[in-house]
């Protein structure tokens, strides 16, 4: 009934009546995602009628109402089949300001029309294969990049940027050819990186270092959404970027990694939004060539170095391990390097472990990233080793028992998901410089057996990668307990009592005679077997 009434007004009514009836329809069906099959034909005709209205000279408010209803109807894939034509796509491109290369975004009154048009295009491209093909024919990716360049430094049009980026993400997700076009022809990597810089309001203090205000306000919801969409689009653009072939590529990836470092050190409007933001940053960092990830850490400034020296002097002389890692003014410092971003990644990983579900999608990307960073960059590995595998003191509990990061990772080494347990074991192995004896010290042979069997290292040795020869220093507590540690379980076991100590002399004599009789029987059986074989 709603579709029939709306269709009648759209076909015969004037702009004011059309706006009112479509606004009512939109308000009623705003949360509708499943539609009645009986009204499918009416919805198709309503879509066709709305497109005919949109080509007319109607007020902006009426355009918005038309587009809102079109966005709702475009959730139904079957409705889109007859209305997804080149002409209709061009109508939406014109309303989204995607056709006018020289037109600037000055008329604020047009912004709602642009946003609603982009929303419609997102739905239509996602739900219609015909629209996906038409988007290639109409060179939609280039038009979206052009619109982004118009508004990349204009904070008051974040909604336009957000849905432009979402549509760009969908196109690059659905068409692999568009990824290559974005990367090389449209210069999507620097463009999208600049969008992130604008969303985070980055102020550079050096080539790859930005100023971080730990006491500053969180990102607004609009800035956070815009950044998340840009991160997702960048992921598609860089998904095949495993190697750096040119110096310009290396520089651009380092700039992007520096922006992502900044992203990890800021927060969104809510805890959930912050986690979503950081999750997408982790996914994108996994696409960055590992040689460019050194910008995640940076040397301290002169002021920070002086503060670190003061902090080290304040620590007791016997706290040798703690002296290497200090926290001063919210800055995690290790060996003269700022490790804030790596510490955020480590905390993010631990939160994902604590969730206890969706390990393959939620945990393996950050574990893989930390593993590759540790393998390629010595300072990162040493810092993570200090945080995850500190010098052993208490070895009374099994390695998998407890609440430390080490305990949680060791538990994952026997996880039912093969991919999860492999990457968890690989991470710990790299932190141990791929030395079997060091790994067994922290995990026990039983937990590490899967990794060692896969690597052909059950008999000991080390992996194929080269690491520095600095030695691990064992604590006095570990040295004293080492002779009594069970190598299989990896923990200290109390000596088993000798059962003979509690026996009387008669019991000892009885057990001795019992043993003699058993040995005699075994000997007789062996002789009989030999005689049988000789006779045969």
Protein backbone atom coordinates (compact mmCIF):
# COMPACT_ATOMS: atom_id res chain seq x y z
CA UNK A 1 0.00 0.00 0.00
CA UNK A 2 2.85 2.42 0.83
CA UNK A 3 4.54 1.77 -2.52
CA UNK A 4 1.26 2.17 -4.42
CA UNK A 5 0.46 5.53 -2.83
CA UNK A 6 4.05 6.80 -3.28
CA UNK A 7 4.08 5.64 -6.91
CA UNK A 8 0.82 7.46 -7.67
CA UNK A 9 2.11 10.76 -6.23
CA UNK A 10 5.53 10.41 -7.91
CA UNK A 11 3.90 9.92 -11.29
CA UNK A 12 1.27 12.65 -11.08
CA UNK A 13 2.12 14.99 -8.22
CA UNK A 14 4.08 18.23 -7.98
CA UNK A 15 7.42 18.58 -6.17
CA UNK A 16 5.93 19.47 -2.76
CA UNK A 17 3.57 16.49 -2.73
CA UNK A 18 6.32 14.16 -3.93
CA UNK A 19 8.64 15.37 -1.16
CA UNK A 20 5.98 14.83 1.54
CA UNK A 21 4.95 11.33 0.47
CA UNK A 22 8.56 10.17 0.00
CA UNK A 23 9.58 11.62 3.36
CA UNK A 24 6.76 9.64 4.99
CA UNK A 25 7.86 6.49 3.16
CA UNK A 26 11.47 7.03 4.21
CA UNK A 27 10.56 7.57 7.86
CA UNK A 28 8.48 4.39 7.90
CA UNK A 29 11.00 2.14 6.13
CA UNK A 30 14.28 3.61 7.39
CA UNK A 31 15.18 0.35 9.19
CA UNK A 32 13.71 -2.00 6.56
CA UNK A 33 16.14 -4.45 5.00
CA UNK A 34 13.79 -7.28 4.03
CA UNK A 35 10.91 -6.57 1.66
CA UNK A 36 7.68 -8.33 0.78
CA UNK A 37 7.87 -10.30 -2.47
CA UNK A 38 4.29 -9.34 -3.36
CA UNK A 39 5.26 -5.67 -3.71
CA UNK A 40 8.41 -6.25 -5.75
CA UNK A 41 6.94 -4.98 -9.03
CA UNK A 42 5.64 -1.83 -7.34
CA UNK A 43 9.06 -1.12 -5.87
CA UNK A 44 10.67 -1.48 -9.31
CA UNK A 45 8.19 1.01 -10.79
CA UNK A 46 8.75 3.37 -7.85
CA UNK A 47 12.50 3.31 -8.54
CA UNK A 48 11.89 4.11 -12.19
CA UNK A 49 9.55 6.94 -11.22
CA UNK A 50 12.10 8.44 -8.80
CA UNK A 51 14.80 8.50 -11.50
CA UNK A 52 12.39 10.36 -13.79
CA UNK A 53 11.77 12.92 -11.05
CA UNK A 54 15.50 13.38 -10.40
CA UNK A 55 16.16 14.60 -13.95
CA UNK A 56 13.70 17.46 -13.44
CA UNK A 57 14.43 20.85 -11.95
CA UNK A 58 13.17 20.25 -8.40
CA UNK A 59 14.13 21.79 -5.03
CA UNK A 60 17.11 20.38 -3.12
CA UNK A 61 14.88 19.10 -0.30
CA UNK A 62 12.83 17.11 -2.81
CA UNK A 63 16.02 15.66 -4.31
CA UNK A 64 17.12 14.50 -0.86
CA UNK A 65 13.75 12.81 -0.21
CA UNK A 66 13.92 11.03 -3.57
CA UNK A 67 17.46 9.81 -2.90
CA UNK A 68 16.61 8.63 0.62
CA UNK A 69 13.84 6.40 -0.72
CA UNK A 70 16.06 5.22 -3.57
CA UNK A 71 18.73 4.26 -1.02
CA UNK A 72 16.18 2.19 0.93
CA UNK A 73 14.87 0.48 -2.19
CA UNK A 74 18.39 -0.27 -3.44
CA UNK A 75 18.83 -2.69 -0.51
CA UNK A 76 16.73 -5.14 -2.57
CA UNK A 77 18.89 -6.74 -5.28
CA UNK A 78 15.92 -7.81 -7.41
CA UNK A 79 14.58 -4.27 -7.63
CA UNK A 80 17.88 -3.04 -9.07
CA UNK A 81 17.92 -5.33 -12.11
CA UNK A 82 15.67 -3.24 -14.40
CA UNK A 83 16.70 0.20 -13.09
CA UNK A 84 20.49 -0.20 -13.20
CA UNK A 85 21.21 1.45 -16.53
CA UNK A 86 23.95 3.72 -17.75
CA UNK A 87 21.54 6.66 -17.90
CA UNK A 88 20.41 6.19 -14.30
CA UNK A 89 23.99 5.78 -13.08
CA UNK A 90 24.90 9.04 -14.82
CA UNK A 91 22.03 10.80 -13.02
CA UNK A 92 23.49 9.75 -9.67
CA UNK A 93 27.02 10.71 -10.75
CA UNK A 94 25.80 14.19 -11.68
CA UNK A 95 24.00 14.65 -8.34
CA UNK A 96 27.11 13.43 -6.46
CA UNK A 97 29.24 16.06 -8.24
CA UNK A 98 31.29 13.30 -9.85
CA UNK A 99 30.93 14.60 -13.40
CA UNK A 100 32.09 18.19 -13.00
CA UNK A 101 35.89 18.24 -12.88
CA UNK A 102 36.13 22.01 -12.41
CA UNK A 103 33.22 22.49 -10.05
CA UNK A 104 34.26 23.32 -6.49
CA UNK A 105 32.28 22.34 -3.41
CA UNK A 106 31.11 25.74 -2.31
CA UNK A 107 27.32 25.38 -2.05
CA UNK A 108 26.67 23.96 1.41
CA UNK A 109 23.00 23.46 0.52
CA UNK A 110 24.03 20.81 -2.03
CA UNK A 111 25.99 18.69 0.46
CA UNK A 112 23.00 16.54 1.58
CA UNK A 113 22.27 15.72 -2.07
CA UNK A 114 25.90 14.72 -2.68
CA UNK A 115 25.97 12.52 0.43
CA UNK A 116 22.68 10.77 -0.36
CA UNK A 117 23.76 10.20 -3.98
CA UNK A 118 27.00 8.58 -2.78
CA UNK A 119 25.02 6.39 -0.37
CA UNK A 120 22.78 5.24 -3.22
CA UNK A 121 25.81 4.46 -5.37
CA UNK A 122 27.34 2.42 -2.53
CA UNK A 123 24.23 0.27 -2.26
CA UNK A 124 23.74 -0.09 -6.00
CA UNK A 125 27.38 -0.98 -6.74
CA UNK A 126 27.45 -3.48 -3.89
CA UNK A 127 24.19 -5.20 -4.84
CA UNK A 128 24.29 -5.08 -8.64
CA UNK A 129 26.81 -6.78 -10.95
CA UNK A 130 25.55 -4.61 -13.80
CA UNK A 131 26.37 -1.49 -11.77
CA UNK A 132 29.83 -2.87 -11.10
CA UNK A 133 30.45 -3.24 -14.83
CA UNK A 134 29.02 0.21 -15.53
CA UNK A 135 31.32 1.72 -12.91
CA UNK A 136 34.29 0.49 -14.95
CA UNK A 137 32.81 1.86 -18.16
CA UNK A 138 32.10 5.24 -16.54
CA UNK A 139 35.59 5.37 -14.93
CA UNK A 140 34.00 5.87 -11.53
CA UNK A 141 37.25 5.35 -9.58
CA UNK A 142 38.89 8.34 -11.29
CA UNK A 143 35.84 10.50 -10.61
CA UNK A 144 35.87 9.54 -6.92
CA UNK A 145 39.56 10.43 -6.62
CA UNK A 146 38.88 13.78 -8.23
CA UNK A 147 36.11 14.49 -5.71
CA UNK A 148 38.47 13.53 -2.87
CA UNK A 149 41.04 16.05 -4.11
CA UNK A 150 38.40 18.76 -3.92
CA UNK A 151 37.60 18.05 -0.31
CA UNK A 152 40.73 16.50 1.24
CA UNK A 153 41.48 19.58 3.35
CA UNK A 154 37.86 20.56 4.05
CA UNK A 155 36.85 19.23 7.45
CA UNK A 156 33.26 20.45 7.26
CA UNK A 157 32.44 17.96 4.49
CA UNK A 158 33.56 14.80 6.24
CA UNK A 159 30.36 12.95 5.26
CA UNK A 160 31.15 13.45 1.59
CA UNK A 161 34.69 12.15 2.08
CA UNK A 162 33.46 9.20 4.14
CA UNK A 163 31.03 7.87 1.54
CA UNK A 164 33.36 8.70 -1.34
CA UNK A 165 35.99 6.54 0.41
CA UNK A 166 33.47 3.78 1.13
CA UNK A 167 32.51 3.62 -2.54
CA UNK A 168 36.19 3.59 -3.51
CA UNK A 169 36.74 0.71 -1.07
CA UNK A 170 33.83 -1.26 -2.59
CA UNK A 171 35.09 -0.75 -6.13
CA UNK A 172 38.63 -1.84 -5.26
CA UNK A 173 37.24 -4.82 -3.36
CA UNK A 174 35.02 -6.01 -6.19
CA UNK A 175 37.43 -5.29 -9.09
CA UNK A 176 41.12 -6.20 -8.83
CA UNK A 177 41.86 -4.13 -11.96
CA UNK A 178 40.80 -0.98 -10.12
CA UNK A 179 43.44 -1.62 -7.45
CA UNK A 180 46.20 -1.31 -10.02
CA UNK A 181 44.55 1.78 -11.53
CA UNK A 182 44.29 3.41 -8.12
CA UNK A 183 47.87 2.58 -7.22
CA UNK A 184 49.65 3.77 -10.33
CA UNK A 185 47.41 5.77 -12.68
CA UNK A 186 45.38 7.69 -10.07
CA UNK A 187 48.16 8.01 -7.44
CA UNK A 188 45.81 6.59 -4.84
CA UNK A 189 48.54 5.83 -2.30
CA UNK A 190 49.65 9.43 -1.66
CA UNK A 191 46.07 10.71 -2.07
CA UNK A 192 44.60 8.39 0.54
CA UNK A 193 47.57 8.93 2.85
CA UNK A 194 46.91 12.67 2.70
CA UNK A 195 43.27 12.00 3.58
CA UNK A 196 44.48 10.21 6.71
CA UNK A 197 46.86 13.06 7.55
CA UNK A 198 43.95 15.48 7.31
CA UNK A 199 41.66 13.30 9.45
CA UNK A 200 44.33 13.01 12.17
CA UNK A 201 45.45 16.68 11.87
CA UNK A 202 49.07 15.51 11.75
CA UNK A 203 51.87 18.02 12.35
CA UNK A 204 55.23 16.70 11.19
CA UNK A 205 58.31 17.27 13.37
CA UNK A 206 60.65 15.33 11.07
CA UNK A 207 60.47 13.49 7.77
CA UNK A 208 58.76 10.46 9.32
CA UNK A 209 57.86 11.74 12.80
CA UNK A 210 54.70 13.50 13.94
CA UNK A 211 53.85 15.40 17.08
CA UNK A 212 51.69 13.41 19.52
CA UNK A 213 49.53 15.21 22.07
CA UNK A 214 48.69 12.58 24.68
CA UNK A 215 46.41 15.02 26.47
CA UNK A 216 44.57 16.12 23.35
CA UNK A 217 40.88 15.41 22.65
CA UNK A 218 39.85 12.15 20.94
CA UNK A 219 38.91 12.05 17.29
CA UNK A 220 35.36 13.06 16.48
CA UNK A 221 32.97 10.34 15.23
CA UNK A 222 33.07 11.84 11.72
CA UNK A 223 36.89 11.96 11.62
CA UNK A 224 37.08 8.39 12.93
CA UNK A 225 34.65 7.03 10.33
CA UNK A 226 36.47 8.88 7.57
CA UNK A 227 39.84 7.48 8.73
CA UNK A 228 38.48 3.92 8.91
CA UNK A 229 37.14 4.10 5.35
CA UNK A 230 40.48 5.50 4.12
CA UNK A 231 42.37 2.68 5.88
CA UNK A 232 40.13 0.06 4.25
CA UNK A 233 40.58 1.60 0.79
CA UNK A 234 44.36 1.80 1.31
CA UNK A 235 44.42 -1.85 2.29
CA UNK A 236 42.96 -2.83 -1.08
CA UNK A 237 45.33 -0.53 -2.95
CA UNK A 238 48.42 -1.99 -1.22
CA UNK A 239 47.31 -5.60 -0.81
CA UNK A 240 49.98 -6.89 -3.24
CA UNK A 241 52.80 -4.60 -2.09
CA UNK A 242 55.25 -7.13 -0.70
CA UNK A 243 58.38 -5.66 -2.25
CA UNK A 244 59.62 -2.11 -2.81
CA UNK A 245 60.98 -1.64 -6.30
CA UNK A 246 61.69 2.10 -6.41
CA UNK A 247 63.01 4.66 -3.96
CA UNK A 248 59.84 6.71 -4.39
CA UNK A 249 57.77 3.67 -3.37
CA UNK A 250 59.93 3.17 -0.29
CA UNK A 251 59.50 6.80 0.72
CA UNK A 252 55.73 6.69 0.24
CA UNK A 253 55.39 3.51 2.28
CA UNK A 254 57.48 5.04 5.06
CA UNK A 255 55.24 8.11 5.11
CA UNK A 256 52.19 5.85 5.30
CA UNK A 257 53.78 3.80 8.10
CA UNK A 258 54.51 7.02 10.00
CA UNK A 259 50.86 8.07 9.60
CA UNK A 260 49.79 4.63 10.88
CA UNK A 261 52.11 5.02 13.86
CA UNK A 262 50.29 8.26 14.66
CA UNK A 263 46.98 6.42 14.23
CA UNK A 264 47.99 3.83 16.83
CA UNK A 265 48.80 6.54 19.36
CA UNK A 266 45.46 8.35 19.23
CA UNK A 267 41.99 7.34 20.34
CA UNK A 268 38.51 7.53 18.88
CA UNK A 269 35.30 8.77 20.49
CA UNK A 270 34.58 5.37 22.10
CA UNK A 271 36.59 2.30 23.05
CA UNK A 272 34.92 0.23 20.31
CA UNK A 273 35.70 2.85 17.67
CA UNK A 274 39.32 3.01 18.86
CA UNK A 275 39.64 -0.75 18.52
CA UNK A 276 38.11 -0.66 15.03
CA UNK A 277 40.48 2.14 14.03
CA UNK A 278 43.53 0.28 15.37
CA UNK A 279 42.37 -3.00 13.81
CA UNK A 280 42.28 -1.45 10.35
CA UNK A 281 45.68 0.18 10.98
CA UNK A 282 47.12 -3.25 11.87
CA UNK A 283 45.68 -4.77 8.69
CA UNK A 284 47.21 -2.02 6.58
CA UNK A 285 50.61 -2.28 8.32
CA UNK A 286 50.65 -5.93 7.27
CA UNK A 287 50.81 -4.72 3.63
CA UNK A 288 53.75 -2.38 4.25
CA UNK A 289 57.14 -3.83 3.18
CA UNK A 290 58.87 -4.93 6.36
CA UNK A 291 61.95 -2.84 5.56
CA UNK A 292 59.79 0.30 5.91
CA UNK A 293 58.41 -0.60 9.35
CA UNK A 294 61.44 0.82 11.14
CA UNK A 295 59.57 4.16 11.29
CA UNK A 296 57.24 2.62 13.89
CA UNK A 297 60.03 3.35 16.38
CA UNK A 298 62.08 6.51 16.50
CA UNK A 299 65.05 7.88 18.46
CA UNK A 300 64.30 10.07 21.44
CA UNK A 301 64.66 13.82 21.28
CA UNK A 302 67.31 15.50 23.42
CA UNK A 303 64.71 16.37 26.05
CA UNK A 304 63.34 12.81 26.14
CA UNK A 305 66.88 11.40 26.34
CA UNK A 306 67.61 13.56 29.37
CA UNK A 307 64.34 12.44 30.99
CA UNK A 308 65.20 8.79 30.32
CA UNK A 309 68.63 9.17 31.92
CA UNK A 310 67.04 10.71 34.99
CA UNK A 311 64.55 7.84 35.20
CA UNK A 312 67.29 5.22 34.87
CA UNK A 313 69.26 6.83 37.67
CA UNK A 314 66.19 6.69 39.89
CA UNK A 315 65.83 2.91 39.46
CA UNK A 316 67.55 0.65 42.04
CA UNK A 317 70.84 -0.83 40.84
CA UNK A 318 69.59 -4.42 41.14
CA UNK A 319 66.71 -3.81 38.70
CA UNK A 320 68.85 -4.51 35.64
CA UNK A 321 66.04 -5.79 33.42
CA UNK A 322 63.69 -2.96 34.30
CA UNK A 323 66.39 -0.40 33.52
CA UNK A 324 66.18 -1.17 29.83
CA UNK A 325 62.48 -0.28 29.57
CA UNK A 326 61.12 2.82 31.25
CA UNK A 327 57.89 4.79 31.07
CA UNK A 328 58.28 8.54 31.28
CA UNK A 329 55.49 11.03 30.56
CA UNK A 330 53.41 8.34 28.81
CA UNK A 331 56.36 7.42 26.56
CA UNK A 332 57.50 3.79 26.41
CA UNK A 333 61.28 3.90 25.98
CA UNK A 334 63.69 1.06 25.24
CA UNK A 335 67.39 1.34 24.45
CA UNK A 336 67.04 5.03 23.56
CA UNK A 337 64.10 4.42 21.22
CA UNK A 338 60.45 5.45 21.50
CA UNK A 339 58.46 2.20 21.57
CA UNK A 340 54.96 3.59 22.09
CA UNK A 341 53.52 2.21 18.85
CA UNK A 342 54.96 -1.28 19.41
CA UNK A 343 53.58 -1.27 22.95
CA UNK A 344 50.12 -0.36 21.58
CA UNK A 345 50.35 -3.26 19.12
CA UNK A 346 51.31 -5.61 21.96
CA UNK A 347 48.39 -4.41 24.09
CA UNK A 348 46.06 -4.77 21.10
CA UNK A 349 47.26 -8.34 20.61
CA UNK A 350 46.65 -9.19 24.27
CA UNK A 351 43.11 -7.77 24.12
CA UNK A 352 42.38 -9.94 21.08
CA UNK A 353 43.67 -13.00 22.93
CA UNK A 354 41.50 -12.17 25.94
CA UNK A 355 38.40 -12.04 23.72
CA UNK A 356 38.74 -15.78 23.26
CA UNK A 357 37.03 -15.95 19.84
CA UNK A 358 37.61 -15.17 16.15
CA UNK A 359 41.34 -15.69 16.55
CA UNK A 360 41.97 -16.27 12.86
CA UNK A 361 40.40 -12.96 11.76
CA UNK A 362 41.15 -10.84 14.83
CA UNK A 363 44.44 -12.13 16.22
CA UNK A 364 46.56 -13.56 13.41
CA UNK A 365 47.10 -10.21 11.58
CA UNK A 366 48.67 -8.49 14.59
CA UNK A 367 50.66 -11.59 15.58
CA UNK A 368 51.99 -11.90 12.04
CA UNK A 369 52.88 -8.19 11.99
CA UNK A 370 54.77 -8.39 15.29
CA UNK A 371 56.58 -11.53 14.11
CA UNK A 372 57.81 -9.88 10.91
CA UNK A 373 58.80 -6.69 12.76
CA UNK A 374 60.78 -8.75 15.28
CA UNK A 375 62.50 -10.76 12.59
CA UNK A 376 63.61 -7.69 10.63
CA UNK A 377 64.30 -5.08 13.33
CA UNK A 378 66.56 -5.90 16.27
CA UNK A 379 65.36 -3.15 18.61
CA UNK A 380 61.72 -4.18 18.15
CA UNK A 381 62.56 -7.82 18.82
CA UNK A 382 64.55 -7.02 21.95
CA UNK A 383 61.79 -4.79 23.30
CA UNK A 384 59.12 -7.42 22.66
CA UNK A 385 61.33 -10.11 24.20
CA UNK A 386 61.66 -7.94 27.30
CA UNK A 387 57.88 -7.51 27.49
CA UNK A 388 56.72 -11.01 26.51
CA UNK A 389 59.56 -13.23 27.71
CA UNK A 390 61.24 -11.49 30.64
CA UNK A 391 63.98 -13.38 32.54
CA UNK A 392 62.49 -16.40 34.28
CA UNK A 393 62.29 -16.26 38.04
CA UNK A 394 59.35 -18.41 39.16
CA UNK A 395 59.27 -21.76 37.34
CA UNK A 396 56.99 -23.60 39.72
CA UNK A 397 54.02 -23.35 37.32
CA UNK A 398 53.70 -24.75 33.81
CA UNK A 399 54.39 -22.18 31.04
CA UNK A 400 50.74 -22.27 29.92
CA UNK A 401 49.38 -21.61 33.40
CA UNK A 402 48.93 -17.96 34.41
CA UNK A 403 47.77 -14.59 33.14
CA UNK A 404 50.93 -13.10 31.63
CA UNK A 405 51.30 -12.51 27.89
CA UNK A 406 53.77 -15.41 27.79
CA UNK A 407 51.24 -17.76 29.41
CA UNK A 408 48.53 -16.73 26.96
CA UNK A 409 50.75 -17.22 23.92
CA UNK A 410 51.99 -20.61 25.12
CA UNK A 411 48.37 -21.74 25.50
CA UNK A 412 47.80 -20.75 21.86
CA UNK A 413 50.64 -23.05 20.78
CA UNK A 414 48.26 -25.99 21.27
CA UNK A 415 45.15 -24.29 19.87
CA UNK A 416 42.83 -26.34 17.66
CA UNK A 417 43.17 -23.86 14.78
CA UNK A 418 46.35 -24.78 12.92
CA UNK A 419 46.95 -21.25 11.63
CA UNK A 420 46.59 -19.71 15.08
CA UNK A 421 48.94 -22.12 16.83
CA UNK A 422 51.52 -21.83 14.05
CA UNK A 423 51.75 -18.04 14.17
CA UNK A 424 51.77 -17.97 18.00
CA UNK A 425 54.63 -20.49 18.08
CA UNK A 426 56.46 -18.64 15.29
CA UNK A 427 56.25 -15.36 17.20
CA UNK A 428 57.79 -16.85 20.35
CA UNK A 429 60.41 -18.68 18.27
CA UNK A 430 61.51 -15.42 16.63
CA UNK A 431 61.68 -13.68 20.01
CA UNK A 432 64.03 -16.50 21.06
CA UNK A 433 66.18 -15.77 17.96
CA UNK A 434 65.00 -19.08 16.52
CA UNK A 435 67.09 -21.01 19.02
CA UNK A 436 65.47 -24.25 20.15
CA UNK A 437 67.08 -24.32 23.59
CA UNK A 438 65.87 -20.79 24.33
CA UNK A 439 62.33 -21.56 23.13
CA UNK A 440 62.12 -24.72 25.26
CA UNK A 441 63.17 -22.76 28.31
CA UNK A 442 60.08 -20.55 28.01
CA UNK A 443 57.52 -23.02 26.62
CA UNK A 444 58.52 -26.57 27.47
CA UNK A 445 59.11 -29.31 24.91
CA UNK A 446 55.51 -30.48 24.85
CA UNK A 447 54.09 -27.11 23.78
CA UNK A 448 56.84 -26.52 21.21
CA UNK A 449 56.81 -30.00 19.64
CA UNK A 450 54.46 -29.01 16.78
CA UNK A 451 56.64 -26.11 15.63
CA UNK A 452 59.89 -28.08 16.02
CA UNK A 453 58.50 -31.05 14.06
CA UNK A 454 57.38 -28.76 11.23
CA UNK A 455 60.81 -27.13 11.16
CA UNK A 456 62.76 -30.40 11.47
CA UNK A 457 64.29 -29.22 14.75
CA UNK A 458 63.11 -31.88 17.19
CA UNK A 459 66.74 -32.76 17.87
CA UNK A 460 67.63 -29.13 18.63
CA UNK A 461 69.54 -26.43 16.76
CA UNK A 462 68.26 -23.14 15.38
CA UNK A 463 66.31 -21.69 12.48
CA UNK A 464 67.58 -20.35 9.16
CA UNK A 465 67.54 -16.63 9.97
CA UNK A 466 70.54 -14.79 11.39
CA UNK A 467 70.31 -12.86 14.66
CA UNK A 468 72.79 -11.00 16.83
CA UNK A 469 74.86 -13.14 19.17
CA UNK A 470 73.99 -11.33 22.40
CA UNK A 471 73.34 -13.97 25.04
CA UNK A 472 70.33 -14.38 27.32
CA UNK A 473 71.10 -13.84 30.97
CA UNK A 474 69.48 -16.31 33.35
CA UNK A 475 68.39 -15.20 36.80
CA UNK A 476 69.86 -16.84 39.89
CA UNK A 477 66.44 -18.32 40.68
CA UNK A 478 66.35 -20.05 37.29
CA UNK A 479 69.93 -21.31 37.54
CA UNK A 480 69.22 -22.89 40.91
CA UNK A 481 66.00 -24.55 39.68
CA UNK A 482 67.27 -25.62 36.24
CA UNK A 483 68.53 -29.13 37.21
CA UNK A 484 65.05 -30.05 38.48
CA UNK A 485 63.00 -28.57 35.64
CA UNK A 486 60.99 -31.07 33.62
CA UNK A 487 61.97 -30.41 30.00
CA UNK A 488 58.65 -31.70 28.67
CA UNK A 489 56.37 -29.59 30.84
CA UNK A 490 58.80 -26.69 31.28
CA UNK A 491 58.30 -26.26 35.03
CA UNK A 492 59.89 -27.27 38.30
CA UNK A 493 58.66 -30.58 39.67
CA UNK A 494 59.13 -31.78 43.21
CA UNK A 495 61.40 -34.87 43.41
CA UNK A 496 59.35 -38.06 43.49
CA UNK A 497 59.64 -39.96 46.78
CA UNK A 498 61.62 -43.23 46.68
CA UNK A 499 59.15 -46.03 47.54
CA UNK A 500 61.95 -48.22 48.93
CA UNK A 501 62.68 -45.69 51.69
CA UNK A 502 59.41 -46.53 53.47
CA UNK A 503 59.75 -50.35 53.19
CA UNK A 504 60.79 -52.71 55.97
CA UNK A 505 63.69 -55.11 55.43
CA UNK A 506 61.23 -58.00 54.88
CA UNK A 507 59.36 -56.03 52.20
CA UNK A 508 62.60 -55.15 50.44
CA UNK A 509 63.66 -58.81 50.43
CA UNK A 510 60.25 -59.87 49.10
CA UNK A 511 60.36 -57.33 46.24
CA UNK A 512 63.93 -58.38 45.40
CA UNK A 513 62.98 -62.05 45.13
CA UNK A 514 59.95 -61.10 43.03
CA UNK A 515 62.20 -59.25 40.62
CA UNK A 516 64.62 -62.21 40.42
CA UNK A 517 61.76 -64.57 39.53
CA UNK A 518 60.49 -62.22 36.81
CA UNK A 519 63.96 -61.95 35.26
CA UNK A 520 64.31 -65.76 35.37
CA UNK A 521 61.00 -66.20 33.52
CA UNK A 522 62.05 -63.73 30.83
CA UNK A 523 65.36 -65.54 30.41
CA UNK A 524 63.65 -68.94 30.03
CA UNK A 525 61.25 -67.58 27.39
CA UNK A 526 64.14 -66.18 25.38
CA UNK A 527 65.93 -69.57 25.45
CA UNK A 528 62.81 -71.41 24.27
CA UNK A 529 62.35 -68.92 21.40
CA UNK A 530 65.97 -69.42 20.28
CA UNK A 531 65.56 -73.22 20.28
CA UNK A 532 62.37 -72.97 18.20
CA UNK A 533 64.04 -70.78 15.61
CA UNK A 534 67.07 -73.14 15.36
CA UNK A 535 64.77 -76.18 14.87
CA UNK A 536 62.88 -74.44 12.10
